[in-house]
Amino acid sequence: MPHNPVSGTRYKGANALWLAMQQRTDLRWMTYKQTQSVNAQVQKGEKGTLVQYWKFTDTIPKLDDKGKAVLDDNGKKKMITVKLDRPKVFSAVVFNAEQIQGLPP
């Protein structure tokens, strides 16, 4: 299954299918920034593959009747998950490990 070794994400659904269709033998995929974070480099001239993420919920601070954030016993804001009225779509360009120099096997 295609996955991102930096974030720990396992690609699912259409992204997994799309990455599998790229006919790469290595299942590791990561963004350009992530390759830099592990001291690796995308090879010159390589083209990335677009993936999309859909977000249907968001995590926001819980508010009291006066609109102030509710705090837990440690003084941190309590958070709640809310359903978004419209989903948000995010895109990222990822590179396969075969396109990256300096990654361990």
C-alpha atoms as a PDB file:
ATOM      1  CA  MET A   1       0.000   0.000   0.000  1.00  0.00           C
ATOM      2  CA  PRO A   2       1.417   3.446  -0.911  1.00  0.00           C
ATOM      3  CA  HIS A   3       2.473   5.363   2.191  1.00  0.00           C
ATOM      4  CA  ASN A   4       4.376   8.404   3.400  1.00  0.00           C
ATOM      5  CA  PRO A   5       7.274   7.376   5.670  1.00  0.00           C
ATOM      6  CA  VAL A   6       7.712  10.901   7.054  1.00  0.00           C
ATOM      7  CA  SER A   7       4.111  11.569   8.151  1.00  0.00           C
ATOM      8  CA  GLY A   8       3.096   7.937   8.639  1.00  0.00           C
ATOM      9  CA  THR A   9       0.121   8.411   6.303  1.00  0.00           C
ATOM     10  CA  ARG A  10      -1.140   5.353   4.428  1.00  0.00           C
ATOM     11  CA  TYR A  11      -2.820   6.532   1.251  1.00  0.00           C
ATOM     12  CA  LYS A  12      -6.409   5.322   0.798  1.00  0.00           C
ATOM     13  CA  GLY A  13      -9.113   5.333  -1.832  1.00  0.00           C
ATOM     14  CA  ALA A  14      -8.530   7.305  -5.011  1.00  0.00           C
ATOM     15  CA  ASN A  15      -5.085   8.494  -3.861  1.00  0.00           C
ATOM     16  CA  ALA A  16      -3.906   4.910  -3.271  1.00  0.00           C
ATOM     17  CA  LEU A  17      -5.252   3.859  -6.666  1.00  0.00           C
ATOM     18  CA  TRP A  18      -3.732   6.878  -8.426  1.00  0.00           C
ATOM     19  CA  LEU A  19      -0.302   6.325  -6.846  1.00  0.00           C
ATOM     20  CA  ALA A  20      -0.419   2.604  -7.672  1.00  0.00           C
ATOM     21  CA  MET A  21      -1.182   3.489 -11.304  1.00  0.00           C
ATOM     22  CA  GLN A  22       2.143   5.357 -11.499  1.00  0.00           C
ATOM     23  CA  GLN A  23       3.810   1.918 -11.797  1.00  0.00           C
ATOM     24  CA  ARG A  24       6.534   2.515  -9.220  1.00  0.00           C
ATOM     25  CA  THR A  25       8.054  -0.444  -7.372  1.00  0.00           C
ATOM     26  CA  ASP A  26       8.808   1.555  -4.200  1.00  0.00           C
ATOM     27  CA  LEU A  27       5.673   2.274  -2.148  1.00  0.00           C
ATOM     28  CA  ARG A  28       7.086   5.357  -0.370  1.00  0.00           C
ATOM     29  CA  TRP A  29       5.791   8.793  -1.406  1.00  0.00           C
ATOM     30  CA  MET A  30       6.534  12.225   0.097  1.00  0.00           C
ATOM     31  CA  THR A  31       6.379  15.941  -0.633  1.00  0.00           C
ATOM     32  CA  TYR A  32       9.386  17.976  -1.710  1.00  0.00           C
ATOM     33  CA  LYS A  33       9.538  19.639   1.711  1.00  0.00           C
ATOM     34  CA  GLN A  34       9.479  16.257   3.437  1.00  0.00           C
ATOM     35  CA  THR A  35      12.400  15.024   1.320  1.00  0.00           C
ATOM     36  CA  GLN A  36      14.398  18.022   2.497  1.00  0.00           C
ATOM     37  CA  SER A  37      13.450  17.318   6.120  1.00  0.00           C
ATOM     38  CA  VAL A  38      15.192  13.923   5.898  1.00  0.00           C
ATOM     39  CA  ASN A  39      18.259  15.371   4.125  1.00  0.00           C
ATOM     40  CA  ALA A  40      17.318  13.891   0.749  1.00  0.00           C
ATOM     41  CA  GLN A  41      16.750  15.563  -2.630  1.00  0.00           C
ATOM     42  CA  VAL A  42      14.356  15.052  -5.534  1.00  0.00           C
ATOM     43  CA  GLN A  43      16.384  14.238  -8.643  1.00  0.00           C
ATOM     44  CA  LYS A  44      16.611  17.021 -11.219  1.00  0.00           C
ATOM     45  CA  GLY A  45      13.858  16.914 -13.844  1.00  0.00           C
ATOM     46  CA  GLU A  46      11.541  14.579 -11.918  1.00  0.00           C
ATOM     47  CA  LYS A  47       7.814  15.336 -11.985  1.00  0.00           C
ATOM     48  CA  GLY A  48       5.617  14.891  -8.932  1.00  0.00           C
ATOM     49  CA  THR A  49       2.194  13.278  -8.681  1.00  0.00           C
ATOM     50  CA  LEU A  50      -0.838  15.215  -7.449  1.00  0.00           C
ATOM     51  CA  VAL A  51      -2.906  13.833  -4.561  1.00  0.00           C
ATOM     52  CA  GLN A  52      -5.975  15.369  -2.889  1.00  0.00           C
ATOM     53  CA  TYR A  53      -7.237  15.384   0.672  1.00  0.00           C
ATOM     54  CA  TRP A  54     -10.826  16.079   1.622  1.00  0.00           C
ATOM     55  CA  LYS A  55     -11.582  17.472   5.060  1.00  0.00           C
ATOM     56  CA  PHE A  56     -15.157  17.040   6.315  1.00  0.00           C
ATOM     57  CA  THR A  57     -14.646  18.068   9.959  1.00  0.00           C
ATOM     58  CA  ASP A  58     -12.598  20.620  11.858  1.00  0.00           C
ATOM     59  CA  THR A  59     -11.338  20.805  15.429  1.00  0.00           C
ATOM     60  CA  ILE A  60     -12.082  24.098  17.162  1.00  0.00           C
ATOM     61  CA  PRO A  61     -11.970  25.409  20.756  1.00  0.00           C
ATOM     62  CA  LYS A  62     -15.084  24.735  22.840  1.00  0.00           C
ATOM     63  CA  LEU A  63     -16.705  28.027  23.880  1.00  0.00           C
ATOM     64  CA  ASP A  64     -18.796  28.899  26.928  1.00  0.00           C
ATOM     65  CA  ASP A  65     -22.018  30.975  26.872  1.00  0.00           C
ATOM     66  CA  LYS A  66     -19.963  34.184  26.767  1.00  0.00           C
ATOM     67  CA  GLY A  67     -17.879  33.072  23.802  1.00  0.00           C
ATOM     68  CA  LYS A  68     -14.730  32.389  25.823  1.00  0.00           C
ATOM     69  CA  ALA A  69     -12.673  29.241  25.400  1.00  0.00           C
ATOM     70  CA  VAL A  70     -13.400  26.488  27.941  1.00  0.00           C
ATOM     71  CA  LEU A  71     -10.229  25.267  29.666  1.00  0.00           C
ATOM     72  CA  ASP A  72      -9.445  21.790  30.992  1.00  0.00           C
ATOM     73  CA  ASP A  73      -7.878  21.027  34.398  1.00  0.00           C
ATOM     74  CA  ASN A  74      -4.409  21.803  32.991  1.00  0.00           C
ATOM     75  CA  GLY A  75      -5.421  25.201  31.631  1.00  0.00           C
ATOM     76  CA  LYS A  76      -5.459  24.060  28.019  1.00  0.00           C
ATOM     77  CA  LYS A  77      -8.339  24.840  25.664  1.00  0.00           C
ATOM     78  CA  LYS A  78     -10.893  22.056  25.322  1.00  0.00           C
ATOM     79  CA  MET A  79     -11.395  21.194  21.672  1.00  0.00           C
ATOM     80  CA  ILE A  80     -14.449  19.856  19.859  1.00  0.00           C
ATOM     81  CA  THR A  81     -14.896  18.368  16.395  1.00  0.00           C
ATOM     82  CA  VAL A  82     -17.495  20.023  14.174  1.00  0.00           C
ATOM     83  CA  LYS A  83     -18.843  19.029  10.773  1.00  0.00           C
ATOM     84  CA  LEU A  84     -18.018  21.529   8.036  1.00  0.00           C
ATOM     85  CA  ASP A  85     -20.871  22.973   5.966  1.00  0.00           C
ATOM     86  CA  ARG A  86     -18.803  22.315   2.845  1.00  0.00           C
ATOM     87  CA  PRO A  87     -15.793  20.014   2.671  1.00  0.00           C
ATOM     88  CA  LYS A  88     -12.371  21.568   2.149  1.00  0.00           C
ATOM     89  CA  VAL A  89     -10.119  20.147  -0.555  1.00  0.00           C
ATOM     90  CA  PHE A  90      -6.337  20.235  -0.210  1.00  0.00           C
ATOM     91  CA  SER A  91      -3.821  19.195  -2.836  1.00  0.00           C
ATOM     92  CA  ALA A  92      -0.210  18.111  -2.541  1.00  0.00           C
ATOM     93  CA  VAL A  93       2.440  17.034  -5.004  1.00  0.00           C
ATOM     94  CA  VAL A  94       4.304  13.921  -3.902  1.00  0.00           C
ATOM     95  CA  PHE A  95       7.393  12.191  -5.230  1.00  0.00           C
ATOM     96  CA  ASN A  96       8.137   8.496  -5.197  1.00  0.00           C
ATOM     97  CA  ALA A  97      11.238   7.274  -3.364  1.00  0.00           C
ATOM     98  CA  GLU A  98      12.637   6.148  -6.743  1.00  0.00           C
ATOM     99  CA  GLN A  99      12.749   9.837  -7.711  1.00  0.00           C
ATOM    100  CA  ILE A 100      14.658  10.878  -4.589  1.00  0.00           C
ATOM    101  CA  GLN A 101      18.389  10.734  -3.900  1.00  0.00           C
ATOM    102  CA  GLY A 102      19.685  10.161  -0.383  1.00  0.00           C
ATOM    103  CA  LEU A 103      16.892   8.003   1.041  1.00  0.00           C
ATOM    104  CA  PRO A 104      17.794   4.772   2.801  1.00  0.00           C
ATOM    105  CA  PRO A 105      16.446   1.651   1.051  1.00  0.00           C
END
